[in-house]
Amino acid sequence: MQIVFAITLALLCAAGLVIVIRLVRGPTTLDRILAVDVLVVLIVGGTAVGMAIQQDGSNIALLAAVALLGFIGSMAAVRLVEKKGTHR
């Protein structure tokens, strides 16, 4: 099972690197907002894998709260960009 955890963490790290590149390069504000949202999801996923490795489920509510805050933040940012009418 440790091999599965290691492969999962490696894939999450690789996805994180790709997302950070998208976050830096853009090209639009909406791309950057989406990249931040995906980065939050990757962090939640990595933390969940870490909890599975340690066999500790005491922080599941915290993970759900962080994921929800990331989603709400992304929706608020998209609405703000939509109101301004500028996507760049």
PDB file of N, CA and C in Angstrom:
ATOM      1  N   MET A   1       0.815  -1.189   0.000  1.00  0.00           N
ATOM      2  CA  MET A   1       0.000   0.000   0.000  1.00  0.00           C
ATOM      3  C   MET A   1       0.863   1.260   0.000  1.00  0.00           C
ATOM      4  N   GLN A   2       2.048   1.168   0.557  1.00  0.00           N
ATOM      5  CA  GLN A   2       2.939   2.327   0.592  1.00  0.00           C
ATOM      6  C   GLN A   2       3.331   2.772  -0.810  1.00  0.00           C
ATOM      7  N   ILE A   3       3.429   1.832  -1.725  1.00  0.00           N
ATOM      8  CA  ILE A   3       3.769   2.176  -3.108  1.00  0.00           C
ATOM      9  C   ILE A   3       2.644   2.999  -3.735  1.00  0.00           C
ATOM     10  N   VAL A   4       1.401   2.630  -3.466  1.00  0.00           N
ATOM     11  CA  VAL A   4       0.253   3.372  -3.984  1.00  0.00           C
ATOM     12  C   VAL A   4       0.252   4.795  -3.435  1.00  0.00           C
ATOM     13  N   PHE A   5       0.525   4.932  -2.136  1.00  0.00           N
ATOM     14  CA  PHE A   5       0.580   6.261  -1.535  1.00  0.00           C
ATOM     15  C   PHE A   5       1.693   7.103  -2.150  1.00  0.00           C
ATOM     16  N   ALA A   6       2.852   6.501  -2.376  1.00  0.00           N
ATOM     17  CA  ALA A   6       3.979   7.229  -2.962  1.00  0.00           C
ATOM     18  C   ALA A   6       3.661   7.672  -4.389  1.00  0.00           C
ATOM     19  N   ILE A   7       3.056   6.791  -5.167  1.00  0.00           N
ATOM     20  CA  ILE A   7       2.696   7.146  -6.543  1.00  0.00           C
ATOM     21  C   ILE A   7       1.647   8.250  -6.549  1.00  0.00           C
ATOM     22  N   THR A   8       0.680   8.158  -5.660  1.00  0.00           N
ATOM     23  CA  THR A   8      -0.369   9.179  -5.580  1.00  0.00           C
ATOM     24  C   THR A   8       0.210  10.540  -5.218  1.00  0.00           C
ATOM     25  N   LEU A   9       1.098  10.571  -4.231  1.00  0.00           N
ATOM     26  CA  LEU A   9       1.721  11.837  -3.845  1.00  0.00           C
ATOM     27  C   LEU A   9       2.596  12.400  -4.966  1.00  0.00           C
ATOM     28  N   ALA A  10       3.285  11.527  -5.682  1.00  0.00           N
ATOM     29  CA  ALA A  10       4.110  11.988  -6.799  1.00  0.00           C
ATOM     30  C   ALA A  10       3.247  12.599  -7.903  1.00  0.00           C
ATOM     31  N   LEU A  11       2.130  11.968  -8.206  1.00  0.00           N
ATOM     32  CA  LEU A  11       1.233  12.506  -9.227  1.00  0.00           C
ATOM     33  C   LEU A  11       0.602  13.824  -8.785  1.00  0.00           C
ATOM     34  N   LEU A  12       0.253  13.935  -7.502  1.00  0.00           N
ATOM     35  CA  LEU A  12      -0.282  15.196  -6.992  1.00  0.00           C
ATOM     36  C   LEU A  12       0.763  16.306  -7.062  1.00  0.00           C
ATOM     37  N   CYS A  13       2.007  15.980  -6.769  1.00  0.00           N
ATOM     38  CA  CYS A  13       3.086  16.978  -6.877  1.00  0.00           C
ATOM     39  C   CYS A  13       3.302  17.405  -8.326  1.00  0.00           C
ATOM     40  N   ALA A  14       3.263  16.457  -9.247  1.00  0.00           N
ATOM     41  CA  ALA A  14       3.415  16.794 -10.665  1.00  0.00           C
ATOM     42  C   ALA A  14       2.269  17.685 -11.133  1.00  0.00           C
ATOM     43  N   ALA A  15       1.061  17.366 -10.712  1.00  0.00           N
ATOM     44  CA  ALA A  15      -0.090  18.202 -11.064  1.00  0.00           C
ATOM     45  C   ALA A  15       0.049  19.587 -10.444  1.00  0.00           C
ATOM     46  N   GLY A  16       0.575  19.654  -9.233  1.00  0.00           N
ATOM     47  CA  GLY A  16       0.804  20.943  -8.590  1.00  0.00           C
ATOM     48  C   GLY A  16       1.786  21.808  -9.351  1.00  0.00           C
ATOM     49  N   LEU A  17       2.848  21.198  -9.868  1.00  0.00           N
ATOM     50  CA  LEU A  17       3.815  21.955 -10.668  1.00  0.00           C
ATOM     51  C   LEU A  17       3.182  22.510 -11.937  1.00  0.00           C
ATOM     52  N   VAL A  18       2.374  21.701 -12.599  1.00  0.00           N
ATOM     53  CA  VAL A  18       1.696  22.154 -13.815  1.00  0.00           C
ATOM     54  C   VAL A  18       0.728  23.298 -13.496  1.00  0.00           C
ATOM     55  N   ILE A  19       0.030  23.180 -12.379  1.00  0.00           N
ATOM     56  CA  ILE A  19      -0.919  24.213 -11.988  1.00  0.00           C
ATOM     57  C   ILE A  19      -0.207  25.505 -11.615  1.00  0.00           C
ATOM     58  N   VAL A  20       0.932  25.409 -10.958  1.00  0.00           N
ATOM     59  CA  VAL A  20       1.689  26.623 -10.627  1.00  0.00           C
ATOM     60  C   VAL A  20       2.164  27.323 -11.903  1.00  0.00           C
ATOM     61  N   ILE A  21       2.549  26.557 -12.901  1.00  0.00           N
ATOM     62  CA  ILE A  21       2.938  27.153 -14.182  1.00  0.00           C
ATOM     63  C   ILE A  21       1.741  27.881 -14.797  1.00  0.00           C
ATOM     64  N   ARG A  22       0.568  27.264 -14.754  1.00  0.00           N
ATOM     65  CA  ARG A  22      -0.642  27.908 -15.294  1.00  0.00           C
ATOM     66  C   ARG A  22      -0.977  29.161 -14.487  1.00  0.00           C
ATOM     67  N   LEU A  23      -0.746  29.113 -13.195  1.00  0.00           N
ATOM     68  CA  LEU A  23      -1.016  30.259 -12.332  1.00  0.00           C
ATOM     69  C   LEU A  23      -0.118  31.435 -12.677  1.00  0.00           C
ATOM     70  N   VAL A  24       1.133  31.164 -12.985  1.00  0.00           N
ATOM     71  CA  VAL A  24       2.085  32.229 -13.296  1.00  0.00           C
ATOM     72  C   VAL A  24       1.875  32.764 -14.713  1.00  0.00           C
ATOM     73  N   ARG A  25       1.670  31.873 -15.659  1.00  0.00           N
ATOM     74  CA  ARG A  25       1.600  32.281 -17.066  1.00  0.00           C
ATOM     75  C   ARG A  25       0.255  32.861 -17.472  1.00  0.00           C
ATOM     76  N   GLY A  26      -0.812  32.479 -16.810  1.00  0.00           N
ATOM     77  CA  GLY A  26      -2.122  33.039 -17.158  1.00  0.00           C
ATOM     78  C   GLY A  26      -2.790  32.308 -18.298  1.00  0.00           C
ATOM     79  N   PRO A  27      -3.160  32.907 -19.349  1.00  0.00           N
ATOM     80  CA  PRO A  27      -3.023  34.286 -19.799  1.00  0.00           C
ATOM     81  C   PRO A  27      -4.126  35.211 -19.287  1.00  0.00           C
ATOM     82  N   THR A  28      -5.246  34.663 -18.796  1.00  0.00           N
ATOM     83  CA  THR A  28      -6.332  35.533 -18.342  1.00  0.00           C
ATOM     84  C   THR A  28      -6.516  35.399 -16.835  1.00  0.00           C
ATOM     85  N   THR A  29      -7.275  36.319 -16.284  1.00  0.00           N
ATOM     86  CA  THR A  29      -7.566  36.294 -14.861  1.00  0.00           C
ATOM     87  C   THR A  29      -8.373  35.053 -14.496  1.00  0.00           C
ATOM     88  N   LEU A  30      -9.278  34.669 -15.368  1.00  0.00           N
ATOM     89  CA  LEU A  30     -10.090  33.482 -15.093  1.00  0.00           C
ATOM     90  C   LEU A  30      -9.240  32.214 -15.052  1.00  0.00           C
ATOM     91  N   ASP A  31      -8.201  32.145 -15.887  1.00  0.00           N
ATOM     92  CA  ASP A  31      -7.280  31.011 -15.837  1.00  0.00           C
ATOM     93  C   ASP A  31      -6.567  30.957 -14.494  1.00  0.00           C
ATOM     94  N   ARG A  32      -6.179  32.098 -13.998  1.00  0.00           N
ATOM     95  CA  ARG A  32      -5.481  32.149 -12.708  1.00  0.00           C
ATOM     96  C   ARG A  32      -6.419  31.776 -11.561  1.00  0.00           C
ATOM     97  N   ILE A  33      -7.667  32.213 -11.631  1.00  0.00           N
ATOM     98  CA  ILE A  33      -8.639  31.862 -10.590  1.00  0.00           C
ATOM     99  C   ILE A  33      -8.870  30.351 -10.583  1.00  0.00           C
ATOM    100  N   LEU A  34      -9.021  29.774 -11.753  1.00  0.00           N
ATOM    101  CA  LEU A  34      -9.207  28.337 -11.855  1.00  0.00           C
ATOM    102  C   LEU A  34      -7.979  27.588 -11.344  1.00  0.00           C
ATOM    103  N   ALA A  35      -6.793  28.103 -11.623  1.00  0.00           N
ATOM    104  CA  ALA A  35      -5.567  27.464 -11.151  1.00  0.00           C
ATOM    105  C   ALA A  35      -5.491  27.473  -9.628  1.00  0.00           C
ATOM    106  N   VAL A  36      -5.899  28.562  -9.009  1.00  0.00           N
ATOM    107  CA  VAL A  36      -5.900  28.619  -7.546  1.00  0.00           C
ATOM    108  C   VAL A  36      -6.901  27.613  -6.980  1.00  0.00           C
ATOM    109  N   ASP A  37      -8.053  27.502  -7.605  1.00  0.00           N
ATOM    110  CA  ASP A  37      -9.060  26.544  -7.143  1.00  0.00           C
ATOM    111  C   ASP A  37      -8.541  25.114  -7.258  1.00  0.00           C
ATOM    112  N   VAL A  38      -7.923  24.782  -8.363  1.00  0.00           N
ATOM    113  CA  VAL A  38      -7.374  23.438  -8.544  1.00  0.00           C
ATOM    114  C   VAL A  38      -6.231  23.194  -7.565  1.00  0.00           C
ATOM    115  N   LEU A  39      -5.424  24.216  -7.294  1.00  0.00           N
ATOM    116  CA  LEU A  39      -4.333  24.074  -6.333  1.00  0.00           C
ATOM    117  C   LEU A  39      -4.875  23.773  -4.935  1.00  0.00           C
ATOM    118  N   VAL A  40      -5.972  24.412  -4.553  1.00  0.00           N
ATOM    119  CA  VAL A  40      -6.598  24.118  -3.259  1.00  0.00           C
ATOM    120  C   VAL A  40      -7.072  22.669  -3.223  1.00  0.00           C
ATOM    121  N   VAL A  41      -7.668  22.208  -4.302  1.00  0.00           N
ATOM    122  CA  VAL A  41      -8.139  20.816  -4.364  1.00  0.00           C
ATOM    123  C   VAL A  41      -6.953  19.850  -4.271  1.00  0.00           C
ATOM    124  N   LEU A  42      -5.838  20.164  -4.925  1.00  0.00           N
ATOM    125  CA  LEU A  42      -4.654  19.310  -4.848  1.00  0.00           C
ATOM    126  C   LEU A  42      -4.080  19.284  -3.438  1.00  0.00           C
ATOM    127  N   ILE A  43      -4.104  20.412  -2.762  1.00  0.00           N
ATOM    128  CA  ILE A  43      -3.615  20.452  -1.380  1.00  0.00           C
ATOM    129  C   ILE A  43      -4.512  19.614  -0.472  1.00  0.00           C
ATOM    130  N   VAL A  44      -5.817  19.708  -0.672  1.00  0.00           N
ATOM    131  CA  VAL A  44      -6.751  18.891   0.105  1.00  0.00           C
ATOM    132  C   VAL A  44      -6.518  17.409  -0.188  1.00  0.00           C
ATOM    133  N   GLY A  45      -6.325  17.068  -1.448  1.00  0.00           N
ATOM    134  CA  GLY A  45      -6.057  15.676  -1.809  1.00  0.00           C
ATOM    135  C   GLY A  45      -4.762  15.159  -1.217  1.00  0.00           C
ATOM    136  N   GLY A  46      -3.714  15.979  -1.264  1.00  0.00           N
ATOM    137  CA  GLY A  46      -2.439  15.582  -0.669  1.00  0.00           C
ATOM    138  C   GLY A  46      -2.537  15.402   0.826  1.00  0.00           C
ATOM    139  N   THR A  47      -3.284  16.282   1.473  1.00  0.00           N
ATOM    140  CA  THR A  47      -3.482  16.150   2.913  1.00  0.00           C
ATOM    141  C   THR A  47      -4.280  14.891   3.242  1.00  0.00           C
ATOM    142  N   ALA A  48      -5.263  14.574   2.408  1.00  0.00           N
ATOM    143  CA  ALA A  48      -6.047  13.348   2.615  1.00  0.00           C
ATOM    144  C   ALA A  48      -5.172  12.105   2.460  1.00  0.00           C
ATOM    145  N   VAL A  49      -4.268  12.120   1.491  1.00  0.00           N
ATOM    146  CA  VAL A  49      -3.353  10.986   1.325  1.00  0.00           C
ATOM    147  C   VAL A  49      -2.424  10.888   2.533  1.00  0.00           C
ATOM    148  N   GLY A  50      -1.952  12.025   3.021  1.00  0.00           N
ATOM    149  CA  GLY A  50      -1.117  12.014   4.218  1.00  0.00           C
ATOM    150  C   GLY A  50      -1.855  11.472   5.430  1.00  0.00           C
ATOM    151  N   MET A  51      -3.139  11.810   5.539  1.00  0.00           N
ATOM    152  CA  MET A  51      -3.944  11.265   6.628  1.00  0.00           C
ATOM    153  C   MET A  51      -4.135   9.760   6.475  1.00  0.00           C
ATOM    154  N   ALA A  52      -4.253   9.301   5.232  1.00  0.00           N
ATOM    155  CA  ALA A  52      -4.400   7.861   4.995  1.00  0.00           C
ATOM    156  C   ALA A  52      -3.109   7.124   5.340  1.00  0.00           C
ATOM    157  N   ILE A  53      -1.972   7.750   5.040  1.00  0.00           N
ATOM    158  CA  ILE A  53      -0.691   7.121   5.374  1.00  0.00           C
ATOM    159  C   ILE A  53      -0.566   6.966   6.886  1.00  0.00           C
ATOM    160  N   GLN A  54      -0.953   7.997   7.624  1.00  0.00           N
ATOM    161  CA  GLN A  54      -0.848   7.958   9.079  1.00  0.00           C
ATOM    162  C   GLN A  54      -2.025   7.252   9.744  1.00  0.00           C
ATOM    163  N   GLN A  55      -3.018   6.874   8.955  1.00  0.00           N
ATOM    164  CA  GLN A  55      -4.235   6.224   9.438  1.00  0.00           C
ATOM    165  C   GLN A  55      -4.901   7.053  10.536  1.00  0.00           C
ATOM    166  N   ASP A  56      -5.047   8.353  10.249  1.00  0.00           N
ATOM    167  CA  ASP A  56      -5.649   9.289  11.188  1.00  0.00           C
ATOM    168  C   ASP A  56      -6.735  10.063  10.451  1.00  0.00           C
ATOM    169  N   GLY A  57      -7.974   9.895  10.861  1.00  0.00           N
ATOM    170  CA  GLY A  57      -9.079  10.554  10.186  1.00  0.00           C
ATOM    171  C   GLY A  57      -9.669  11.706  10.977  1.00  0.00           C
ATOM    172  N   SER A  58      -8.883  12.261  11.872  1.00  0.00           N
ATOM    173  CA  SER A  58      -9.423  13.281  12.767  1.00  0.00           C
ATOM    174  C   SER A  58      -9.605  14.641  12.095  1.00  0.00           C
ATOM    175  N   ASN A  59      -9.020  14.876  10.930  1.00  0.00           N
ATOM    176  CA  ASN A  59      -9.087  16.183  10.279  1.00  0.00           C
ATOM    177  C   ASN A  59      -9.960  16.199   9.033  1.00  0.00           C
ATOM    178  N   ILE A  60     -10.863  15.254   8.904  1.00  0.00           N
ATOM    179  CA  ILE A  60     -11.696  15.189   7.709  1.00  0.00           C
ATOM    180  C   ILE A  60     -12.614  16.407   7.617  1.00  0.00           C
ATOM    181  N   ALA A  61     -13.152  16.846   8.731  1.00  0.00           N
ATOM    182  CA  ALA A  61     -14.019  18.031   8.716  1.00  0.00           C
ATOM    183  C   ALA A  61     -13.233  19.268   8.294  1.00  0.00           C
ATOM    184  N   LEU A  62     -11.995  19.357   8.715  1.00  0.00           N
ATOM    185  CA  LEU A  62     -11.145  20.477   8.316  1.00  0.00           C
ATOM    186  C   LEU A  62     -10.895  20.463   6.806  1.00  0.00           C
ATOM    187  N   LEU A  63     -10.672  19.295   6.238  1.00  0.00           N
ATOM    188  CA  LEU A  63     -10.477  19.190   4.788  1.00  0.00           C
ATOM    189  C   LEU A  63     -11.727  19.618   4.029  1.00  0.00           C
ATOM    190  N   ALA A  64     -12.877  19.224   4.516  1.00  0.00           N
ATOM    191  CA  ALA A  64     -14.132  19.628   3.865  1.00  0.00           C
ATOM    192  C   ALA A  64     -14.319  21.136   3.945  1.00  0.00           C
ATOM    193  N   ALA A  65     -13.978  21.718   5.073  1.00  0.00           N
ATOM    194  CA  ALA A  65     -14.113  23.169   5.229  1.00  0.00           C
ATOM    195  C   ALA A  65     -13.158  23.923   4.303  1.00  0.00           C
ATOM    196  N   VAL A  66     -11.926  23.461   4.179  1.00  0.00           N
ATOM    197  CA  VAL A  66     -10.962  24.114   3.289  1.00  0.00           C
ATOM    198  C   VAL A  66     -11.408  23.999   1.840  1.00  0.00           C
ATOM    199  N   ALA A  67     -11.902  22.840   1.442  1.00  0.00           N
ATOM    200  CA  ALA A  67     -12.398  22.669   0.073  1.00  0.00           C
ATOM    201  C   ALA A  67     -13.588  23.584  -0.196  1.00  0.00           C
ATOM    202  N   LEU A  68     -14.482  23.701   0.765  1.00  0.00           N
ATOM    203  CA  LEU A  68     -15.642  24.576   0.605  1.00  0.00           C
ATOM    204  C   LEU A  68     -15.227  26.042   0.522  1.00  0.00           C
ATOM    205  N   LEU A  69     -14.287  26.452   1.354  1.00  0.00           N
ATOM    206  CA  LEU A  69     -13.797  27.831   1.298  1.00  0.00           C
ATOM    207  C   LEU A  69     -13.105  28.129  -0.031  1.00  0.00           C
ATOM    208  N   GLY A  70     -12.358  27.162  -0.543  1.00  0.00           N
ATOM    209  CA  GLY A  70     -11.733  27.350  -1.847  1.00  0.00           C
ATOM    210  C   GLY A  70     -12.756  27.515  -2.947  1.00  0.00           C
ATOM    211  N   PHE A  71     -13.808  26.728  -2.913  1.00  0.00           N
ATOM    212  CA  PHE A  71     -14.865  26.823  -3.914  1.00  0.00           C
ATOM    213  C   PHE A  71     -15.599  28.156  -3.810  1.00  0.00           C
ATOM    214  N   ILE A  72     -15.960  28.550  -2.604  1.00  0.00           N
ATOM    215  CA  ILE A  72     -16.671  29.818  -2.420  1.00  0.00           C
ATOM    216  C   ILE A  72     -15.795  30.994  -2.836  1.00  0.00           C
ATOM    217  N   GLY A  73     -14.524  30.930  -2.517  1.00  0.00           N
ATOM    218  CA  GLY A  73     -13.607  31.995  -2.931  1.00  0.00           C
ATOM    219  C   GLY A  73     -13.486  32.093  -4.439  1.00  0.00           C
ATOM    220  N   SER A  74     -13.433  30.964  -5.100  1.00  0.00           N
ATOM    221  CA  SER A  74     -13.350  30.966  -6.560  1.00  0.00           C
ATOM    222  C   SER A  74     -14.612  31.544  -7.184  1.00  0.00           C
ATOM    223  N   MET A  75     -15.751  31.166  -6.656  1.00  0.00           N
ATOM    224  CA  MET A  75     -17.005  31.693  -7.195  1.00  0.00           C
ATOM    225  C   MET A  75     -17.109  33.197  -6.973  1.00  0.00           C
ATOM    226  N   ALA A  76     -16.676  33.664  -5.830  1.00  0.00           N
ATOM    227  CA  ALA A  76     -16.706  35.104  -5.558  1.00  0.00           C
ATOM    228  C   ALA A  76     -15.765  35.856  -6.499  1.00  0.00           C
ATOM    229  N   ALA A  77     -14.594  35.306  -6.737  1.00  0.00           N
ATOM    230  CA  ALA A  77     -13.643  35.959  -7.631  1.00  0.00           C
ATOM    231  C   ALA A  77     -14.161  35.988  -9.069  1.00  0.00           C
ATOM    232  N   VAL A  78     -14.790  34.899  -9.506  1.00  0.00           N
ATOM    233  CA  VAL A  78     -15.339  34.860 -10.862  1.00  0.00           C
ATOM    234  C   VAL A  78     -16.455  35.877 -11.018  1.00  0.00           C
ATOM    235  N   ARG A  79     -17.300  35.994 -10.020  1.00  0.00           N
ATOM    236  CA  ARG A  79     -18.375  36.993 -10.098  1.00  0.00           C
ATOM    237  C   ARG A  79     -17.814  38.403 -10.117  1.00  0.00           C
ATOM    238  N   LEU A  80     -16.752  38.652  -9.363  1.00  0.00           N
ATOM    239  CA  LEU A  80     -16.126  39.965  -9.359  1.00  0.00           C
ATOM    240  C   LEU A  80     -15.545  40.298 -10.731  1.00  0.00           C
ATOM    241  N   VAL A  81     -14.869  39.340 -11.339  1.00  0.00           N
ATOM    242  CA  VAL A  81     -14.299  39.547 -12.675  1.00  0.00           C
ATOM    243  C   VAL A  81     -15.410  39.728 -13.690  1.00  0.00           C
ATOM    244  N   GLU A  82     -16.491  38.979 -13.532  1.00  0.00           N
ATOM    245  CA  GLU A  82     -17.613  39.078 -14.455  1.00  0.00           C
ATOM    246  C   GLU A  82     -18.277  40.458 -14.369  1.00  0.00           C
ATOM    247  N   LYS A  83     -18.398  41.009 -13.169  1.00  0.00           N
ATOM    248  CA  LYS A  83     -18.998  42.328 -13.013  1.00  0.00           C
ATOM    249  C   LYS A  83     -18.140  43.412 -13.639  1.00  0.00           C
ATOM    250  N   LYS A  84     -16.830  43.293 -13.464  1.00  0.00           N
ATOM    251  CA  LYS A  84     -15.930  44.302 -14.034  1.00  0.00           C
ATOM    252  C   LYS A  84     -15.918  44.228 -15.559  1.00  0.00           C
ATOM    253  N   GLY A  85     -16.086  43.032 -16.081  1.00  0.00           N
ATOM    254  CA  GLY A  85     -16.086  42.867 -17.529  1.00  0.00           C
ATOM    255  C   GLY A  85     -14.691  42.773 -18.125  1.00  0.00           C
ATOM    256  N   THR A  86     -13.672  42.696 -17.282  1.00  0.00           N
ATOM    257  CA  THR A  86     -12.302  42.561 -17.774  1.00  0.00           C
ATOM    258  C   THR A  86     -11.832  41.165 -17.465  1.00  0.00           C
ATOM    259  N   HIS A  87     -11.351  40.482 -18.462  1.00  0.00           N
ATOM    260  CA  HIS A  87     -10.858  39.126 -18.275  1.00  0.00           C
ATOM    261  C   HIS A  87      -9.350  39.065 -18.361  1.00  0.00           C
ATOM    262  N   ARG A  88      -8.674  40.153 -18.591  1.00  0.00           N
ATOM    263  CA  ARG A  88      -7.216  40.134 -18.710  1.00  0.00           C
ATOM    264  C   ARG A  88      -6.566  40.961 -17.676  1.00  0.00           C
TER     265      ARG A  88
END
